[in-house]
Amino acid sequence: YKRHGTTSLYAAFNILTGEVIGRVTQRH
């Protein structure tokens, strides 16, 4: 494969509903 860079993901999983709040960021 060819690499084209990376990204990071922050996620908050609501255990009551299973829904997710997400935030995609370039750095960590």
mmCIF file of all heavy atoms, coordinates in Angstrom:
data_MODEL
# 
_entry.id   MODEL 
# 
loop_
_atom_site.group_PDB 
_atom_site.id 
_atom_site.type_symbol 
_atom_site.label_atom_id 
_atom_site.label_alt_id 
_atom_site.label_comp_id 
_atom_site.label_asym_id 
_atom_site.label_entity_id 
_atom_site.label_seq_id 
_atom_site.pdbx_PDB_ins_code 
_atom_site.Cartn_x 
_atom_site.Cartn_y 
_atom_site.Cartn_z 
_atom_site.occupancy 
_atom_site.B_iso_or_equiv 
_atom_site.pdbx_formal_charge 
_atom_site.auth_seq_id 
_atom_site.auth_comp_id 
_atom_site.auth_asym_id 
_atom_site.auth_atom_id 
_atom_site.pdbx_PDB_model_num 
ATOM 1   N N   . TYR A 1 1  ? 0.826   -1.203 0.000  1.00 0.00 ? 1  TYR A N   1 
ATOM 2   C CA  . TYR A 1 1  ? 0.000   0.000  0.000  1.00 0.00 ? 1  TYR A CA  1 
ATOM 3   C C   . TYR A 1 1  ? 0.863   1.257  0.000  1.00 0.00 ? 1  TYR A C   1 
ATOM 4   O O   . TYR A 1 1  ? 2.085   1.204  0.206  1.00 0.00 ? 1  TYR A O   1 
ATOM 5   C CB  . TYR A 1 1  ? -0.920  0.003  1.231  1.00 0.00 ? 1  TYR A CB  1 
ATOM 6   C CG  . TYR A 1 1  ? -0.208  -0.296 2.532  1.00 0.00 ? 1  TYR A CG  1 
ATOM 7   C CD1 . TYR A 1 1  ? 0.531   0.673  3.199  1.00 0.00 ? 1  TYR A CD1 1 
ATOM 8   C CD2 . TYR A 1 1  ? -0.262  -1.577 3.088  1.00 0.00 ? 1  TYR A CD2 1 
ATOM 9   C CE1 . TYR A 1 1  ? 1.198   0.386  4.374  1.00 0.00 ? 1  TYR A CE1 1 
ATOM 10  C CE2 . TYR A 1 1  ? 0.397   -1.869 4.276  1.00 0.00 ? 1  TYR A CE2 1 
ATOM 11  C CZ  . TYR A 1 1  ? 1.128   -0.875 4.913  1.00 0.00 ? 1  TYR A CZ  1 
ATOM 12  O OH  . TYR A 1 1  ? 1.784   -1.157 6.078  1.00 0.00 ? 1  TYR A OH  1 
ATOM 13  N N   . LYS A 1 2  ? 0.192   2.378  -0.216 1.00 0.00 ? 2  LYS A N   1 
ATOM 14  C CA  . LYS A 1 2  ? 0.831   3.694  -0.135 1.00 0.00 ? 2  LYS A CA  1 
ATOM 15  C C   . LYS A 1 2  ? 0.240   4.438  1.056  1.00 0.00 ? 2  LYS A C   1 
ATOM 16  O O   . LYS A 1 2  ? -0.971  4.418  1.264  1.00 0.00 ? 2  LYS A O   1 
ATOM 17  C CB  . LYS A 1 2  ? 0.557   4.498  -1.415 1.00 0.00 ? 2  LYS A CB  1 
ATOM 18  C CG  . LYS A 1 2  ? 1.015   3.831  -2.695 1.00 0.00 ? 2  LYS A CG  1 
ATOM 19  C CD  . LYS A 1 2  ? 0.576   4.654  -3.895 1.00 0.00 ? 2  LYS A CD  1 
ATOM 20  C CE  . LYS A 1 2  ? 0.911   3.943  -5.204 1.00 0.00 ? 2  LYS A CE  1 
ATOM 21  N NZ  . LYS A 1 2  ? 0.407   4.703  -6.379 1.00 0.00 ? 2  LYS A NZ  1 
ATOM 22  N N   . ARG A 1 3  ? 1.087   5.089  1.841  1.00 0.00 ? 3  ARG A N   1 
ATOM 23  C CA  . ARG A 1 3  ? 0.631   5.862  2.984  1.00 0.00 ? 3  ARG A CA  1 
ATOM 24  C C   . ARG A 1 3  ? 0.420   7.317  2.565  1.00 0.00 ? 3  ARG A C   1 
ATOM 25  O O   . ARG A 1 3  ? 1.253   7.902  1.883  1.00 0.00 ? 3  ARG A O   1 
ATOM 26  C CB  . ARG A 1 3  ? 1.642   5.806  4.121  1.00 0.00 ? 3  ARG A CB  1 
ATOM 27  C CG  . ARG A 1 3  ? 1.793   4.435  4.759  1.00 0.00 ? 3  ARG A CG  1 
ATOM 28  C CD  . ARG A 1 3  ? 2.685   4.540  6.006  1.00 0.00 ? 3  ARG A CD  1 
ATOM 29  N NE  . ARG A 1 3  ? 2.837   3.265  6.669  1.00 0.00 ? 3  ARG A NE  1 
ATOM 30  C CZ  . ARG A 1 3  ? 3.835   2.415  6.454  1.00 0.00 ? 3  ARG A CZ  1 
ATOM 31  N NH1 . ARG A 1 3  ? 4.758   2.726  5.556  1.00 0.00 ? 3  ARG A NH1 1 
ATOM 32  N NH2 . ARG A 1 3  ? 3.909   1.280  7.103  1.00 0.00 ? 3  ARG A NH2 1 
ATOM 33  N N   . HIS A 1 4  ? -0.692  7.883  3.003  1.00 0.00 ? 4  HIS A N   1 
ATOM 34  C CA  . HIS A 1 4  ? -0.990  9.281  2.688  1.00 0.00 ? 4  HIS A CA  1 
ATOM 35  C C   . HIS A 1 4  ? -1.200  10.120 3.947  1.00 0.00 ? 4  HIS A C   1 
ATOM 36  O O   . HIS A 1 4  ? -1.900  11.133 3.916  1.00 0.00 ? 4  HIS A O   1 
ATOM 37  C CB  . HIS A 1 4  ? -2.250  9.367  1.812  1.00 0.00 ? 4  HIS A CB  1 
ATOM 38  C CG  . HIS A 1 4  ? -2.064  8.773  0.444  1.00 0.00 ? 4  HIS A CG  1 
ATOM 39  N ND1 . HIS A 1 4  ? -1.327  9.367  -0.553 1.00 0.00 ? 4  HIS A ND1 1 
ATOM 40  C CD2 . HIS A 1 4  ? -2.507  7.594  -0.072 1.00 0.00 ? 4  HIS A CD2 1 
ATOM 41  C CE1 . HIS A 1 4  ? -1.339  8.615  -1.633 1.00 0.00 ? 4  HIS A CE1 1 
ATOM 42  N NE2 . HIS A 1 4  ? -2.047  7.523  -1.370 1.00 0.00 ? 4  HIS A NE2 1 
ATOM 43  N N   . GLY A 1 5  ? -0.615  9.678  5.051  1.00 0.00 ? 5  GLY A N   1 
ATOM 44  C CA  . GLY A 1 5  ? -0.738  10.449 6.280  1.00 0.00 ? 5  GLY A CA  1 
ATOM 45  C C   . GLY A 1 5  ? -1.620  9.753  7.310  1.00 0.00 ? 5  GLY A C   1 
ATOM 46  O O   . GLY A 1 5  ? -2.185  8.684  7.064  1.00 0.00 ? 5  GLY A O   1 
ATOM 47  N N   . THR A 1 6  ? -1.732  10.377 8.462  1.00 0.00 ? 6  THR A N   1 
ATOM 48  C CA  . THR A 1 6  ? -2.501  9.812  9.572  1.00 0.00 ? 6  THR A CA  1 
ATOM 49  C C   . THR A 1 6  ? -3.417  10.854 10.194 1.00 0.00 ? 6  THR A C   1 
ATOM 50  O O   . THR A 1 6  ? -3.248  12.059 9.979  1.00 0.00 ? 6  THR A O   1 
ATOM 51  C CB  . THR A 1 6  ? -1.567  9.262  10.668 1.00 0.00 ? 6  THR A CB  1 
ATOM 52  O OG1 . THR A 1 6  ? -0.791  10.355 11.199 1.00 0.00 ? 6  THR A OG1 1 
ATOM 53  C CG2 . THR A 1 6  ? -0.652  8.191  10.132 1.00 0.00 ? 6  THR A CG2 1 
ATOM 54  N N   . THR A 1 7  ? -4.363  10.358 10.976 1.00 0.00 ? 7  THR A N   1 
ATOM 55  C CA  . THR A 1 7  ? -5.244  11.233 11.742 1.00 0.00 ? 7  THR A CA  1 
ATOM 56  C C   . THR A 1 7  ? -5.586  10.532 13.049 1.00 0.00 ? 7  THR A C   1 
ATOM 57  O O   . THR A 1 7  ? -5.268  9.351  13.236 1.00 0.00 ? 7  THR A O   1 
ATOM 58  C CB  . THR A 1 7  ? -6.528  11.561 10.955 1.00 0.00 ? 7  THR A CB  1 
ATOM 59  O OG1 . THR A 1 7  ? -7.243  12.596 11.622 1.00 0.00 ? 7  THR A OG1 1 
ATOM 60  C CG2 . THR A 1 7  ? -7.432  10.343 10.840 1.00 0.00 ? 7  THR A CG2 1 
ATOM 61  N N   . SER A 1 8  ? -6.196  11.253 13.974 1.00 0.00 ? 8  SER A N   1 
ATOM 62  C CA  . SER A 1 8  ? -6.601  10.695 15.263 1.00 0.00 ? 8  SER A CA  1 
ATOM 63  C C   . SER A 1 8  ? -8.086  10.944 15.478 1.00 0.00 ? 8  SER A C   1 
ATOM 64  O O   . SER A 1 8  ? -8.663  11.880 14.922 1.00 0.00 ? 8  SER A O   1 
ATOM 65  C CB  . SER A 1 8  ? -5.789  11.320 16.404 1.00 0.00 ? 8  SER A CB  1 
ATOM 66  O OG  . SER A 1 8  ? -4.418  11.001 16.292 1.00 0.00 ? 8  SER A OG  1 
ATOM 67  N N   . LEU A 1 9  ? -8.681  10.105 16.307 1.00 0.00 ? 9  LEU A N   1 
ATOM 68  C CA  . LEU A 1 9  ? -10.112 10.214 16.587 1.00 0.00 ? 9  LEU A CA  1 
ATOM 69  C C   . LEU A 1 9  ? -10.347 10.144 18.088 1.00 0.00 ? 9  LEU A C   1 
ATOM 70  O O   . LEU A 1 9  ? -9.890  9.218  18.751 1.00 0.00 ? 9  LEU A O   1 
ATOM 71  C CB  . LEU A 1 9  ? -10.882 9.080  15.899 1.00 0.00 ? 9  LEU A CB  1 
ATOM 72  C CG  . LEU A 1 9  ? -12.347 8.898  16.313 1.00 0.00 ? 9  LEU A CG  1 
ATOM 73  C CD1 . LEU A 1 9  ? -13.176 10.109 15.876 1.00 0.00 ? 9  LEU A CD1 1 
ATOM 74  C CD2 . LEU A 1 9  ? -12.924 7.610  15.736 1.00 0.00 ? 9  LEU A CD2 1 
ATOM 75  N N   . TYR A 1 10 ? -11.049 11.150 18.608 1.00 0.00 ? 10 TYR A N   1 
ATOM 76  C CA  . TYR A 1 10 ? -11.556 11.105 19.978 1.00 0.00 ? 10 TYR A CA  1 
ATOM 77  C C   . TYR A 1 10 ? -13.018 10.686 19.917 1.00 0.00 ? 10 TYR A C   1 
ATOM 78  O O   . TYR A 1 10 ? -13.778 11.178 19.081 1.00 0.00 ? 10 TYR A O   1 
ATOM 79  C CB  . TYR A 1 10 ? -11.445 12.477 20.654 1.00 0.00 ? 10 TYR A CB  1 
ATOM 80  C CG  . TYR A 1 10 ? -10.046 12.850 21.066 1.00 0.00 ? 10 TYR A CG  1 
ATOM 81  C CD1 . TYR A 1 10 ? -9.199  13.505 20.181 1.00 0.00 ? 10 TYR A CD1 1 
ATOM 82  C CD2 . TYR A 1 10 ? -9.562  12.540 22.328 1.00 0.00 ? 10 TYR A CD2 1 
ATOM 83  C CE1 . TYR A 1 10 ? -7.908  13.849 20.551 1.00 0.00 ? 10 TYR A CE1 1 
ATOM 84  C CE2 . TYR A 1 10 ? -8.275  12.885 22.708 1.00 0.00 ? 10 TYR A CE2 1 
ATOM 85  C CZ  . TYR A 1 10 ? -7.457  13.540 21.815 1.00 0.00 ? 10 TYR A CZ  1 
ATOM 86  O OH  . TYR A 1 10 ? -6.181  13.867 22.192 1.00 0.00 ? 10 TYR A OH  1 
ATOM 87  N N   . ALA A 1 11 ? -13.418 9.780  20.804 1.00 0.00 ? 11 ALA A N   1 
ATOM 88  C CA  . ALA A 1 11 ? -14.795 9.289  20.791 1.00 0.00 ? 11 ALA A CA  1 
ATOM 89  C C   . ALA A 1 11 ? -15.310 9.172  22.218 1.00 0.00 ? 11 ALA A C   1 
ATOM 90  O O   . ALA A 1 11 ? -14.590 8.742  23.123 1.00 0.00 ? 11 ALA A O   1 
ATOM 91  C CB  . ALA A 1 11 ? -14.885 7.941  20.087 1.00 0.00 ? 11 ALA A CB  1 
ATOM 92  N N   . ALA A 1 12 ? -16.581 9.548  22.405 1.00 0.00 ? 12 ALA A N   1 
ATOM 93  C CA  . ALA A 1 12 ? -17.277 9.396  23.685 1.00 0.00 ? 12 ALA A CA  1 
ATOM 94  C C   . ALA A 1 12 ? -18.497 8.525  23.432 1.00 0.00 ? 12 ALA A C   1 
ATOM 95  O O   . ALA A 1 12 ? -19.422 8.925  22.721 1.00 0.00 ? 12 ALA A O   1 
ATOM 96  C CB  . ALA A 1 12 ? -17.675 10.756 24.252 1.00 0.00 ? 12 ALA A CB  1 
ATOM 97  N N   . PHE A 1 13 ? -18.489 7.338  24.001 1.00 0.00 ? 13 PHE A N   1 
ATOM 98  C CA  . PHE A 1 13 ? -19.543 6.334  23.791 1.00 0.00 ? 13 PHE A CA  1 
ATOM 99  C C   . PHE A 1 13 ? -20.546 6.431  24.933 1.00 0.00 ? 13 PHE A C   1 
ATOM 100 O O   . PHE A 1 13 ? -20.193 6.232  26.106 1.00 0.00 ? 13 PHE A O   1 
ATOM 101 C CB  . PHE A 1 13 ? -18.910 4.947  23.735 1.00 0.00 ? 13 PHE A CB  1 
ATOM 102 C CG  . PHE A 1 13 ? -19.883 3.827  23.523 1.00 0.00 ? 13 PHE A CG  1 
ATOM 103 C CD1 . PHE A 1 13 ? -20.307 3.485  22.253 1.00 0.00 ? 13 PHE A CD1 1 
ATOM 104 C CD2 . PHE A 1 13 ? -20.364 3.092  24.597 1.00 0.00 ? 13 PHE A CD2 1 
ATOM 105 C CE1 . PHE A 1 13 ? -21.188 2.439  22.052 1.00 0.00 ? 13 PHE A CE1 1 
ATOM 106 C CE2 . PHE A 1 13 ? -21.243 2.050  24.416 1.00 0.00 ? 13 PHE A CE2 1 
ATOM 107 C CZ  . PHE A 1 13 ? -21.662 1.722  23.136 1.00 0.00 ? 13 PHE A CZ  1 
ATOM 108 N N   . ASN A 1 14 ? -21.810 6.756  24.604 1.00 0.00 ? 14 ASN A N   1 
ATOM 109 C CA  . ASN A 1 14 ? -22.875 6.861  25.606 1.00 0.00 ? 14 ASN A CA  1 
ATOM 110 C C   . ASN A 1 14 ? -23.400 5.461  25.885 1.00 0.00 ? 14 ASN A C   1 
ATOM 111 O O   . ASN A 1 14 ? -24.024 4.837  25.021 1.00 0.00 ? 14 ASN A O   1 
ATOM 112 C CB  . ASN A 1 14 ? -23.990 7.759  25.069 1.00 0.00 ? 14 ASN A CB  1 
ATOM 113 C CG  . ASN A 1 14 ? -25.076 8.032  26.099 1.00 0.00 ? 14 ASN A CG  1 
ATOM 114 O OD1 . ASN A 1 14 ? -25.289 7.246  27.013 1.00 0.00 ? 14 ASN A OD1 1 
ATOM 115 N ND2 . ASN A 1 14 ? -25.777 9.134  25.946 1.00 0.00 ? 14 ASN A ND2 1 
ATOM 116 N N   . ILE A 1 15 ? -23.158 4.927  27.097 1.00 0.00 ? 15 ILE A N   1 
ATOM 117 C CA  . ILE A 1 15 ? -23.536 3.540  27.365 1.00 0.00 ? 15 ILE A CA  1 
ATOM 118 C C   . ILE A 1 15 ? -25.047 3.363  27.443 1.00 0.00 ? 15 ILE A C   1 
ATOM 119 O O   . ILE A 1 15 ? -25.553 2.249  27.327 1.00 0.00 ? 15 ILE A O   1 
ATOM 120 C CB  . ILE A 1 15 ? -22.875 3.020  28.657 1.00 0.00 ? 15 ILE A CB  1 
ATOM 121 C CG1 . ILE A 1 15 ? -23.461 3.705  29.890 1.00 0.00 ? 15 ILE A CG1 1 
ATOM 122 C CG2 . ILE A 1 15 ? -21.371 3.187  28.600 1.00 0.00 ? 15 ILE A CG2 1 
ATOM 123 C CD1 . ILE A 1 15 ? -23.119 2.993  31.175 1.00 0.00 ? 15 ILE A CD1 1 
ATOM 124 N N   . LEU A 1 16 ? -25.793 4.448  27.651 1.00 0.00 ? 16 LEU A N   1 
ATOM 125 C CA  . LEU A 1 16 ? -27.245 4.328  27.745 1.00 0.00 ? 16 LEU A CA  1 
ATOM 126 C C   . LEU A 1 16 ? -27.894 4.170  26.378 1.00 0.00 ? 16 LEU A C   1 
ATOM 127 O O   . LEU A 1 16 ? -28.819 3.378  26.206 1.00 0.00 ? 16 LEU A O   1 
ATOM 128 C CB  . LEU A 1 16 ? -27.829 5.549  28.458 1.00 0.00 ? 16 LEU A CB  1 
ATOM 129 C CG  . LEU A 1 16 ? -29.352 5.571  28.640 1.00 0.00 ? 16 LEU A CG  1 
ATOM 130 C CD1 . LEU A 1 16 ? -29.783 4.410  29.528 1.00 0.00 ? 16 LEU A CD1 1 
ATOM 131 C CD2 . LEU A 1 16 ? -29.821 6.899  29.229 1.00 0.00 ? 16 LEU A CD2 1 
ATOM 132 N N   . THR A 1 17 ? -27.398 4.901  25.375 1.00 0.00 ? 17 THR A N   1 
ATOM 133 C CA  . THR A 1 17 ? -27.993 4.866  24.042 1.00 0.00 ? 17 THR A CA  1 
ATOM 134 C C   . THR A 1 17 ? -27.118 4.191  22.996 1.00 0.00 ? 17 THR A C   1 
ATOM 135 O O   . THR A 1 17 ? -27.604 3.788  21.948 1.00 0.00 ? 17 THR A O   1 
ATOM 136 C CB  . THR A 1 17 ? -28.302 6.295  23.566 1.00 0.00 ? 17 THR A CB  1 
ATOM 137 O OG1 . THR A 1 17 ? -27.069 7.021  23.427 1.00 0.00 ? 17 THR A OG1 1 
ATOM 138 C CG2 . THR A 1 17 ? -29.199 7.016  24.567 1.00 0.00 ? 17 THR A CG2 1 
ATOM 139 N N   . GLY A 1 18 ? -25.808 4.104  23.258 1.00 0.00 ? 18 GLY A N   1 
ATOM 140 C CA  . GLY A 1 18 ? -24.889 3.559  22.266 1.00 0.00 ? 18 GLY A CA  1 
ATOM 141 C C   . GLY A 1 18 ? -24.440 4.579  21.240 1.00 0.00 ? 18 GLY A C   1 
ATOM 142 O O   . GLY A 1 18 ? -23.666 4.257  20.339 1.00 0.00 ? 18 GLY A O   1 
ATOM 143 N N   . GLU A 1 19 ? -24.903 5.826  21.352 1.00 0.00 ? 19 GLU A N   1 
ATOM 144 C CA  . GLU A 1 19 ? -24.493 6.865  20.410 1.00 0.00 ? 19 GLU A CA  1 
ATOM 145 C C   . GLU A 1 19 ? -23.089 7.357  20.735 1.00 0.00 ? 19 GLU A C   1 
ATOM 146 O O   . GLU A 1 19 ? -22.612 7.236  21.866 1.00 0.00 ? 19 GLU A O   1 
ATOM 147 C CB  . GLU A 1 19 ? -25.488 8.028  20.440 1.00 0.00 ? 19 GLU A CB  1 
ATOM 148 C CG  . GLU A 1 19 ? -26.879 7.636  19.950 1.00 0.00 ? 19 GLU A CG  1 
ATOM 149 C CD  . GLU A 1 19 ? -27.850 8.807  19.995 1.00 0.00 ? 19 GLU A CD  1 
ATOM 150 O OE1 . GLU A 1 19 ? -27.507 9.823  20.631 1.00 0.00 ? 19 GLU A OE1 1 
ATOM 151 O OE2 . GLU A 1 19 ? -28.929 8.700  19.396 1.00 0.00 ? 19 GLU A OE2 1 
ATOM 152 N N   . VAL A 1 20 ? -22.437 7.925  19.726 1.00 0.00 ? 20 VAL A N   1 
ATOM 153 C CA  . VAL A 1 20 ? -21.040 8.329  19.864 1.00 0.00 ? 20 VAL A CA  1 
ATOM 154 C C   . VAL A 1 20 ? -20.877 9.799  19.498 1.00 0.00 ? 20 VAL A C   1 
ATOM 155 O O   . VAL A 1 20 ? -21.416 10.258 18.487 1.00 0.00 ? 20 VAL A O   1 
ATOM 156 C CB  . VAL A 1 20 ? -20.133 7.465  18.956 1.00 0.00 ? 20 VAL A CB  1 
ATOM 157 C CG1 . VAL A 1 20 ? -18.717 8.016  18.913 1.00 0.00 ? 20 VAL A CG1 1 
ATOM 158 C CG2 . VAL A 1 20 ? -20.121 6.027  19.447 1.00 0.00 ? 20 VAL A CG2 1 
ATOM 159 N N   . ILE A 1 21 ? -20.156 10.527 20.350 1.00 0.00 ? 21 ILE A N   1 
ATOM 160 C CA  . ILE A 1 21 ? -19.702 11.878 20.025 1.00 0.00 ? 21 ILE A CA  1 
ATOM 161 C C   . ILE A 1 21 ? -18.263 11.749 19.554 1.00 0.00 ? 21 ILE A C   1 
ATOM 162 O O   . ILE A 1 21 ? -17.418 11.203 20.268 1.00 0.00 ? 21 ILE A O   1 
ATOM 163 C CB  . ILE A 1 21 ? -19.786 12.808 21.243 1.00 0.00 ? 21 ILE A CB  1 
ATOM 164 C CG1 . ILE A 1 21 ? -21.228 12.919 21.743 1.00 0.00 ? 21 ILE A CG1 1 
ATOM 165 C CG2 . ILE A 1 21 ? -19.241 14.194 20.907 1.00 0.00 ? 21 ILE A CG2 1 
ATOM 166 C CD1 . ILE A 1 21 ? -21.371 13.682 23.052 1.00 0.00 ? 21 ILE A CD1 1 
ATOM 167 N N   . GLY A 1 22 ? -17.969 12.194 18.346 1.00 0.00 ? 22 GLY A N   1 
ATOM 168 C CA  . GLY A 1 22 ? -16.635 12.015 17.786 1.00 0.00 ? 22 GLY A CA  1 
ATOM 169 C C   . GLY A 1 22 ? -15.993 13.335 17.401 1.00 0.00 ? 22 GLY A C   1 
ATOM 170 O O   . GLY A 1 22 ? -16.681 14.316 17.073 1.00 0.00 ? 22 GLY A O   1 
ATOM 171 N N   . ARG A 1 23 ? -14.679 13.341 17.451 1.00 0.00 ? 23 ARG A N   1 
ATOM 172 C CA  . ARG A 1 23 ? -13.912 14.509 17.022 1.00 0.00 ? 23 ARG A CA  1 
ATOM 173 C C   . ARG A 1 23 ? -12.639 14.021 16.344 1.00 0.00 ? 23 ARG A C   1 
ATOM 174 O O   . ARG A 1 23 ? -11.813 13.339 16.965 1.00 0.00 ? 23 ARG A O   1 
ATOM 175 C CB  . ARG A 1 23 ? -13.573 15.414 18.196 1.00 0.00 ? 23 ARG A CB  1 
ATOM 176 C CG  . ARG A 1 23 ? -12.888 16.724 17.797 1.00 0.00 ? 23 ARG A CG  1 
ATOM 177 C CD  . ARG A 1 23 ? -12.599 17.600 19.010 1.00 0.00 ? 23 ARG A CD  1 
ATOM 178 N NE  . ARG A 1 23 ? -12.078 18.906 18.630 1.00 0.00 ? 23 ARG A NE  1 
ATOM 179 C CZ  . ARG A 1 23 ? -12.827 19.960 18.319 1.00 0.00 ? 23 ARG A CZ  1 
ATOM 180 N NH1 . ARG A 1 23 ? -14.148 19.859 18.368 1.00 0.00 ? 23 ARG A NH1 1 
ATOM 181 N NH2 . ARG A 1 23 ? -12.297 21.110 17.979 1.00 0.00 ? 23 ARG A NH2 1 
ATOM 182 N N   . VAL A 1 24 ? -12.495 14.328 15.059 1.00 0.00 ? 24 VAL A N   1 
ATOM 183 C CA  . VAL A 1 24 ? -11.312 13.933 14.296 1.00 0.00 ? 24 VAL A CA  1 
ATOM 184 C C   . VAL A 1 24 ? -10.287 15.055 14.381 1.00 0.00 ? 24 VAL A C   1 
ATOM 185 O O   . VAL A 1 24 ? -10.599 16.213 14.112 1.00 0.00 ? 24 VAL A O   1 
ATOM 186 C CB  . VAL A 1 24 ? -11.681 13.652 12.823 1.00 0.00 ? 24 VAL A CB  1 
ATOM 187 C CG1 . VAL A 1 24 ? -10.456 13.206 12.050 1.00 0.00 ? 24 VAL A CG1 1 
ATOM 188 C CG2 . VAL A 1 24 ? -12.767 12.588 12.739 1.00 0.00 ? 24 VAL A CG2 1 
ATOM 189 N N   . THR A 1 25 ? -9.066  14.719 14.785 1.00 0.00 ? 25 THR A N   1 
ATOM 190 C CA  . THR A 1 25 ? -8.011  15.719 14.961 1.00 0.00 ? 25 THR A CA  1 
ATOM 191 C C   . THR A 1 25 ? -6.751  15.276 14.219 1.00 0.00 ? 25 THR A C   1 
ATOM 192 O O   . THR A 1 25 ? -6.562  14.101 13.921 1.00 0.00 ? 25 THR A O   1 
ATOM 193 C CB  . THR A 1 25 ? -7.675  15.904 16.454 1.00 0.00 ? 25 THR A CB  1 
ATOM 194 O OG1 . THR A 1 25 ? -7.166  14.670 16.972 1.00 0.00 ? 25 THR A OG1 1 
ATOM 195 C CG2 . THR A 1 25 ? -8.910  16.311 17.240 1.00 0.00 ? 25 THR A CG2 1 
ATOM 196 N N   . GLN A 1 26 ? -5.899  16.246 13.956 1.00 0.00 ? 26 GLN A N   1 
ATOM 197 C CA  . GLN A 1 26 ? -4.654  15.943 13.267 1.00 0.00 ? 26 GLN A CA  1 
ATOM 198 C C   . GLN A 1 26 ? -3.578  15.483 14.244 1.00 0.00 ? 26 GLN A C   1 
ATOM 199 O O   . GLN A 1 26 ? -2.706  14.686 13.902 1.00 0.00 ? 26 GLN A O   1 
ATOM 200 C CB  . GLN A 1 26 ? -4.152  17.176 12.505 1.00 0.00 ? 26 GLN A CB  1 
ATOM 201 C CG  . GLN A 1 26 ? -3.069  16.871 11.486 1.00 0.00 ? 26 GLN A CG  1 
ATOM 202 C CD  . GLN A 1 26 ? -3.517  15.847 10.443 1.00 0.00 ? 26 GLN A CD  1 
ATOM 203 O OE1 . GLN A 1 26 ? -4.635  15.879 9.944  1.00 0.00 ? 26 GLN A OE1 1 
ATOM 204 N NE2 . GLN A 1 26 ? -2.632  14.903 10.114 1.00 0.00 ? 26 GLN A NE2 1 
ATOM 205 N N   . ARG A 1 27 ? -3.664  15.994 15.488 1.00 0.00 ? 27 ARG A N   1 
ATOM 206 C CA  . ARG A 1 27 ? -2.651  15.639 16.478 1.00 0.00 ? 27 ARG A CA  1 
ATOM 207 C C   . ARG A 1 27 ? -3.323  15.084 17.728 1.00 0.00 ? 27 ARG A C   1 
ATOM 208 O O   . ARG A 1 27 ? -4.540  15.188 17.900 1.00 0.00 ? 27 ARG A O   1 
ATOM 209 C CB  . ARG A 1 27 ? -1.778  16.851 16.821 1.00 0.00 ? 27 ARG A CB  1 
ATOM 210 C CG  . ARG A 1 27 ? -1.070  17.443 15.611 1.00 0.00 ? 27 ARG A CG  1 
ATOM 211 C CD  . ARG A 1 27 ? -0.172  18.596 15.984 1.00 0.00 ? 27 ARG A CD  1 
ATOM 212 N NE  . ARG A 1 27 ? 0.945   18.165 16.833 1.00 0.00 ? 27 ARG A NE  1 
ATOM 213 C CZ  . ARG A 1 27 ? 1.873   18.995 17.307 1.00 0.00 ? 27 ARG A CZ  1 
ATOM 214 N NH1 . ARG A 1 27 ? 1.818   20.303 17.006 1.00 0.00 ? 27 ARG A NH1 1 
ATOM 215 N NH2 . ARG A 1 27 ? 2.862   18.546 18.070 1.00 0.00 ? 27 ARG A NH2 1 
ATOM 216 N N   . HIS A 1 28 ? -2.488  14.541 18.607 1.00 0.00 ? 28 HIS A N   1 
ATOM 217 C CA  . HIS A 1 28 ? -2.996  13.901 19.817 1.00 0.00 ? 28 HIS A CA  1 
ATOM 218 C C   . HIS A 1 28 ? -2.263  14.513 21.016 1.00 0.00 ? 28 HIS A C   1 
ATOM 219 O O   . HIS A 1 28 ? -1.206  14.047 21.441 1.00 0.00 ? 28 HIS A O   1 
ATOM 220 C CB  . HIS A 1 28 ? -2.739  12.390 19.725 1.00 0.00 ? 28 HIS A CB  1 
ATOM 221 C CG  . HIS A 1 28 ? -2.972  11.661 21.013 1.00 0.00 ? 28 HIS A CG  1 
ATOM 222 N ND1 . HIS A 1 28 ? -2.067  10.774 21.537 1.00 0.00 ? 28 HIS A ND1 1 
ATOM 223 C CD2 . HIS A 1 28 ? -3.994  11.706 21.895 1.00 0.00 ? 28 HIS A CD2 1 
ATOM 224 C CE1 . HIS A 1 28 ? -2.517  10.296 22.675 1.00 0.00 ? 28 HIS A CE1 1 
ATOM 225 N NE2 . HIS A 1 28 ? -3.691  10.842 22.913 1.00 0.00 ? 28 HIS A NE2 1 
# 
